[in-house]
Amino acid sequence: MPRRRATRTPATPRRGARHGRHGRLGRSEVVRPPLAPLDGRLDRFDLSVGTAVEFLRGTWPELQDVRFEIGAMPGFEAGDEVPRWYLDREHARIVLFRLPIERLLPPGHDDNAHRRMAIESAVFRAAAEYVGREPWDLGHDH
């Protein structure tokens, strides 16, 4: 005997429709509203160091295998000045000290632009000292 096809009207839901095609229809959203971008002092420091290092590695082949690390403060006595970086040629690494770089700016220069310039300057000067050159020699022209 031929089967009769049930005719449904569009308003009549199918059986099991409350679960949707993959069993997820009646659930609440999993995705929360977007979070504000991370834009703290540490994040800006990391970004400034990262962009300067990327530029330098593209310019000087001697820096390709050098590890750049970030430390908070030096853990050693350095004399009259607080060091901004530490060079470890034996292990091919440069450690940049965040607090001295950011906090020991000249009076009146404690804003985001001057802080970024101080960070990039420290990266350039540390890299130049590591390769035995002057910081202004680290451009594409040399």
C-alpha atoms as a PDB file:
ATOM      1  CA  MET A   1       0.000   0.000   0.000  1.00  0.00           C
ATOM      2  CA  PRO A   2       1.514   3.390  -0.929  1.00  0.00           C
ATOM      3  CA  ARG A   3       2.457   5.638   1.938  1.00  0.00           C
ATOM      4  CA  ARG A   4       0.876   8.968   2.241  1.00  0.00           C
ATOM      5  CA  ARG A   5       3.148  11.844   2.721  1.00  0.00           C
ATOM      6  CA  ALA A   6       2.228  14.049   5.609  1.00  0.00           C
ATOM      7  CA  THR A   7       1.720  17.600   4.550  1.00  0.00           C
ATOM      8  CA  ARG A   8       2.901  20.187   6.982  1.00  0.00           C
ATOM      9  CA  THR A   9       2.192  23.804   7.017  1.00  0.00           C
ATOM     10  CA  PRO A  10       5.175  26.127   7.527  1.00  0.00           C
ATOM     11  CA  ALA A  11       3.846  27.093  10.965  1.00  0.00           C
ATOM     12  CA  THR A  12       3.924  23.482  12.165  1.00  0.00           C
ATOM     13  CA  PRO A  13       7.377  22.716  13.549  1.00  0.00           C
ATOM     14  CA  ARG A  14       9.028  19.444  12.760  1.00  0.00           C
ATOM     15  CA  ARG A  15       9.538  16.975  15.467  1.00  0.00           C
ATOM     16  CA  GLY A  16      12.864  17.658  17.179  1.00  0.00           C
ATOM     17  CA  ALA A  17      13.148  21.190  15.805  1.00  0.00           C
ATOM     18  CA  ARG A  18      13.896  22.613  19.228  1.00  0.00           C
ATOM     19  CA  HIS A  19      17.410  21.196  18.891  1.00  0.00           C
ATOM     20  CA  GLY A  20      18.150  22.496  15.422  1.00  0.00           C
ATOM     21  CA  ARG A  21      20.190  20.688  12.842  1.00  0.00           C
ATOM     22  CA  HIS A  22      23.150  20.056  15.145  1.00  0.00           C
ATOM     23  CA  GLY A  23      21.283  19.906  18.437  1.00  0.00           C
ATOM     24  CA  ARG A  24      22.117  23.472  19.433  1.00  0.00           C
ATOM     25  CA  LEU A  25      19.131  25.608  18.513  1.00  0.00           C
ATOM     26  CA  GLY A  26      17.598  26.491  21.893  1.00  0.00           C
ATOM     27  CA  ARG A  27      20.893  27.320  23.614  1.00  0.00           C
ATOM     28  CA  SER A  28      22.226  30.704  24.582  1.00  0.00           C
ATOM     29  CA  GLU A  29      25.152  32.319  22.795  1.00  0.00           C
ATOM     30  CA  VAL A  30      28.587  31.018  23.654  1.00  0.00           C
ATOM     31  CA  VAL A  31      30.419  34.090  22.397  1.00  0.00           C
ATOM     32  CA  ARG A  32      30.537  36.960  24.825  1.00  0.00           C
ATOM     33  CA  PRO A  33      30.789  40.602  23.820  1.00  0.00           C
ATOM     34  CA  PRO A  34      34.250  41.525  22.541  1.00  0.00           C
ATOM     35  CA  LEU A  35      36.768  42.456  25.198  1.00  0.00           C
ATOM     36  CA  ALA A  36      38.651  45.693  25.110  1.00  0.00           C
ATOM     37  CA  PRO A  37      42.090  45.303  23.509  1.00  0.00           C
ATOM     38  CA  LEU A  38      44.952  44.733  25.876  1.00  0.00           C
ATOM     39  CA  ASP A  39      46.638  48.079  26.115  1.00  0.00           C
ATOM     40  CA  GLY A  40      48.521  48.195  29.362  1.00  0.00           C
ATOM     41  CA  ARG A  41      52.032  49.373  29.981  1.00  0.00           C
ATOM     42  CA  LEU A  42      53.446  45.835  29.730  1.00  0.00           C
ATOM     43  CA  ASP A  43      51.654  45.219  26.432  1.00  0.00           C
ATOM     44  CA  ARG A  44      52.919  48.467  24.934  1.00  0.00           C
ATOM     45  CA  PHE A  45      56.455  47.683  26.124  1.00  0.00           C
ATOM     46  CA  ASP A  46      56.339  44.203  24.558  1.00  0.00           C
ATOM     47  CA  LEU A  47      54.964  45.594  21.304  1.00  0.00           C
ATOM     48  CA  SER A  48      57.614  48.337  21.108  1.00  0.00           C
ATOM     49  CA  VAL A  49      60.426  45.871  21.778  1.00  0.00           C
ATOM     50  CA  GLY A  50      58.990  43.360  19.304  1.00  0.00           C
ATOM     51  CA  THR A  51      58.706  45.822  16.436  1.00  0.00           C
ATOM     52  CA  ALA A  52      62.215  47.207  17.023  1.00  0.00           C
ATOM     53  CA  VAL A  53      63.686  43.692  17.221  1.00  0.00           C
ATOM     54  CA  GLU A  54      61.879  42.649  14.043  1.00  0.00           C
ATOM     55  CA  PHE A  55      63.348  45.644  12.218  1.00  0.00           C
ATOM     56  CA  LEU A  56      66.850  44.952  13.541  1.00  0.00           C
ATOM     57  CA  ARG A  57      66.766  41.270  12.656  1.00  0.00           C
ATOM     58  CA  GLY A  58      65.833  42.188   9.113  1.00  0.00           C
ATOM     59  CA  THR A  59      68.733  44.633   8.973  1.00  0.00           C
ATOM     60  CA  TRP A  60      71.566  42.836  10.742  1.00  0.00           C
ATOM     61  CA  PRO A  61      72.122  39.105  10.134  1.00  0.00           C
ATOM     62  CA  GLU A  62      74.229  38.946  13.332  1.00  0.00           C
ATOM     63  CA  LEU A  63      71.020  39.375  15.359  1.00  0.00           C
ATOM     64  CA  GLN A  64      69.036  36.548  13.731  1.00  0.00           C
ATOM     65  CA  ASP A  65      69.839  34.003  16.452  1.00  0.00           C
ATOM     66  CA  VAL A  66      69.993  36.431  19.383  1.00  0.00           C
ATOM     67  CA  ARG A  67      67.225  36.047  21.943  1.00  0.00           C
ATOM     68  CA  PHE A  68      65.761  39.303  23.225  1.00  0.00           C
ATOM     69  CA  GLU A  69      64.278  38.950  26.700  1.00  0.00           C
ATOM     70  CA  ILE A  70      62.475  41.358  28.988  1.00  0.00           C
ATOM     71  CA  GLY A  71      63.259  41.580  32.674  1.00  0.00           C
ATOM     72  CA  ALA A  72      61.750  43.888  35.263  1.00  0.00           C
ATOM     73  CA  MET A  73      64.900  45.045  37.075  1.00  0.00           C
ATOM     74  CA  PRO A  74      68.542  44.031  37.011  1.00  0.00           C
ATOM     75  CA  GLY A  75      69.441  41.635  39.780  1.00  0.00           C
ATOM     76  CA  PHE A  76      73.030  42.814  40.083  1.00  0.00           C
ATOM     77  CA  GLU A  77      74.969  45.891  41.165  1.00  0.00           C
ATOM     78  CA  ALA A  78      76.120  47.987  38.231  1.00  0.00           C
ATOM     79  CA  GLY A  79      77.802  50.975  39.797  1.00  0.00           C
ATOM     80  CA  ASP A  80      76.608  54.542  39.429  1.00  0.00           C
ATOM     81  CA  GLU A  81      73.878  54.027  36.794  1.00  0.00           C
ATOM     82  CA  VAL A  82      70.984  51.594  36.714  1.00  0.00           C
ATOM     83  CA  PRO A  83      71.543  49.393  33.631  1.00  0.00           C
ATOM     84  CA  ARG A  84      68.857  49.391  30.942  1.00  0.00           C
ATOM     85  CA  TRP A  85      70.016  46.093  29.413  1.00  0.00           C
ATOM     86  CA  TYR A  86      72.336  43.133  29.901  1.00  0.00           C
ATOM     87  CA  LEU A  87      74.328  41.423  27.136  1.00  0.00           C
ATOM     88  CA  ASP A  88      75.051  37.710  27.344  1.00  0.00           C
ATOM     89  CA  ARG A  89      77.129  36.891  24.274  1.00  0.00           C
ATOM     90  CA  GLU A  90      77.923  33.388  25.516  1.00  0.00           C
ATOM     91  CA  HIS A  91      74.228  32.435  25.357  1.00  0.00           C
ATOM     92  CA  ALA A  92      73.342  34.854  22.501  1.00  0.00           C
ATOM     93  CA  ARG A  93      70.814  36.916  24.400  1.00  0.00           C
ATOM     94  CA  ILE A  94      70.019  40.500  25.271  1.00  0.00           C
ATOM     95  CA  VAL A  95      67.934  41.229  28.366  1.00  0.00           C
ATOM     96  CA  LEU A  96      66.108  44.574  28.426  1.00  0.00           C
ATOM     97  CA  PHE A  97      65.064  45.884  31.834  1.00  0.00           C
ATOM     98  CA  ARG A  98      61.588  47.379  31.594  1.00  0.00           C
ATOM     99  CA  LEU A  99      61.430  49.481  34.755  1.00  0.00           C
ATOM    100  CA  PRO A 100      64.664  51.444  34.277  1.00  0.00           C
ATOM    101  CA  ILE A 101      63.844  52.061  30.615  1.00  0.00           C
ATOM    102  CA  GLU A 102      60.325  53.300  31.341  1.00  0.00           C
ATOM    103  CA  ARG A 103      60.751  54.999  34.694  1.00  0.00           C
ATOM    104  CA  LEU A 104      64.060  56.815  34.366  1.00  0.00           C
ATOM    105  CA  LEU A 105      62.943  59.228  31.671  1.00  0.00           C
ATOM    106  CA  PRO A 106      63.946  62.895  31.918  1.00  0.00           C
ATOM    107  CA  PRO A 107      61.397  65.115  33.702  1.00  0.00           C
ATOM    108  CA  GLY A 108      58.621  66.262  31.392  1.00  0.00           C
ATOM    109  CA  HIS A 109      59.075  63.320  29.019  1.00  0.00           C
ATOM    110  CA  ASP A 110      56.823  60.794  30.740  1.00  0.00           C
ATOM    111  CA  ASP A 111      54.193  60.288  28.059  1.00  0.00           C
ATOM    112  CA  ASN A 112      53.452  57.446  25.636  1.00  0.00           C
ATOM    113  CA  ALA A 113      55.450  58.891  22.737  1.00  0.00           C
ATOM    114  CA  HIS A 114      58.609  59.527  24.778  1.00  0.00           C
ATOM    115  CA  ARG A 115      58.248  56.186  26.523  1.00  0.00           C
ATOM    116  CA  ARG A 116      58.101  54.394  23.156  1.00  0.00           C
ATOM    117  CA  MET A 117      61.141  56.322  21.901  1.00  0.00           C
ATOM    118  CA  ALA A 118      63.045  55.370  25.064  1.00  0.00           C
ATOM    119  CA  ILE A 119      62.147  51.698  24.592  1.00  0.00           C
ATOM    120  CA  GLU A 120      63.172  51.657  20.927  1.00  0.00           C
ATOM    121  CA  SER A 121      66.350  53.578  21.724  1.00  0.00           C
ATOM    122  CA  ALA A 122      67.299  51.034  24.391  1.00  0.00           C
ATOM    123  CA  VAL A 123      66.698  48.146  21.970  1.00  0.00           C
ATOM    124  CA  PHE A 124      68.813  49.827  19.271  1.00  0.00           C
ATOM    125  CA  ARG A 125      71.635  50.733  21.666  1.00  0.00           C
ATOM    126  CA  ALA A 126      71.709  47.263  23.238  1.00  0.00           C
ATOM    127  CA  ALA A 127      71.765  45.595  19.801  1.00  0.00           C
ATOM    128  CA  ALA A 128      74.492  47.966  18.595  1.00  0.00           C
ATOM    129  CA  GLU A 129      76.615  47.202  21.639  1.00  0.00           C
ATOM    130  CA  TYR A 130      76.028  43.476  21.089  1.00  0.00           C
ATOM    131  CA  VAL A 131      77.299  43.586  17.482  1.00  0.00           C
ATOM    132  CA  GLY A 132      80.042  46.111  18.287  1.00  0.00           C
ATOM    133  CA  ARG A 133      78.744  49.058  16.281  1.00  0.00           C
ATOM    134  CA  GLU A 134      77.240  52.452  16.859  1.00  0.00           C
ATOM    135  CA  PRO A 135      73.415  52.661  17.188  1.00  0.00           C
ATOM    136  CA  TRP A 136      73.061  54.958  14.174  1.00  0.00           C
ATOM    137  CA  ASP A 137      74.791  52.324  12.004  1.00  0.00           C
ATOM    138  CA  LEU A 138      71.836  49.950  12.447  1.00  0.00           C
ATOM    139  CA  GLY A 139      69.775  51.355   9.564  1.00  0.00           C
ATOM    140  CA  HIS A 140      69.183  49.747   6.177  1.00  0.00           C
ATOM    141  CA  ASP A 141      71.852  51.908   4.508  1.00  0.00           C
ATOM    142  CA  HIS A 142      74.820  50.456   6.414  1.00  0.00           C
END
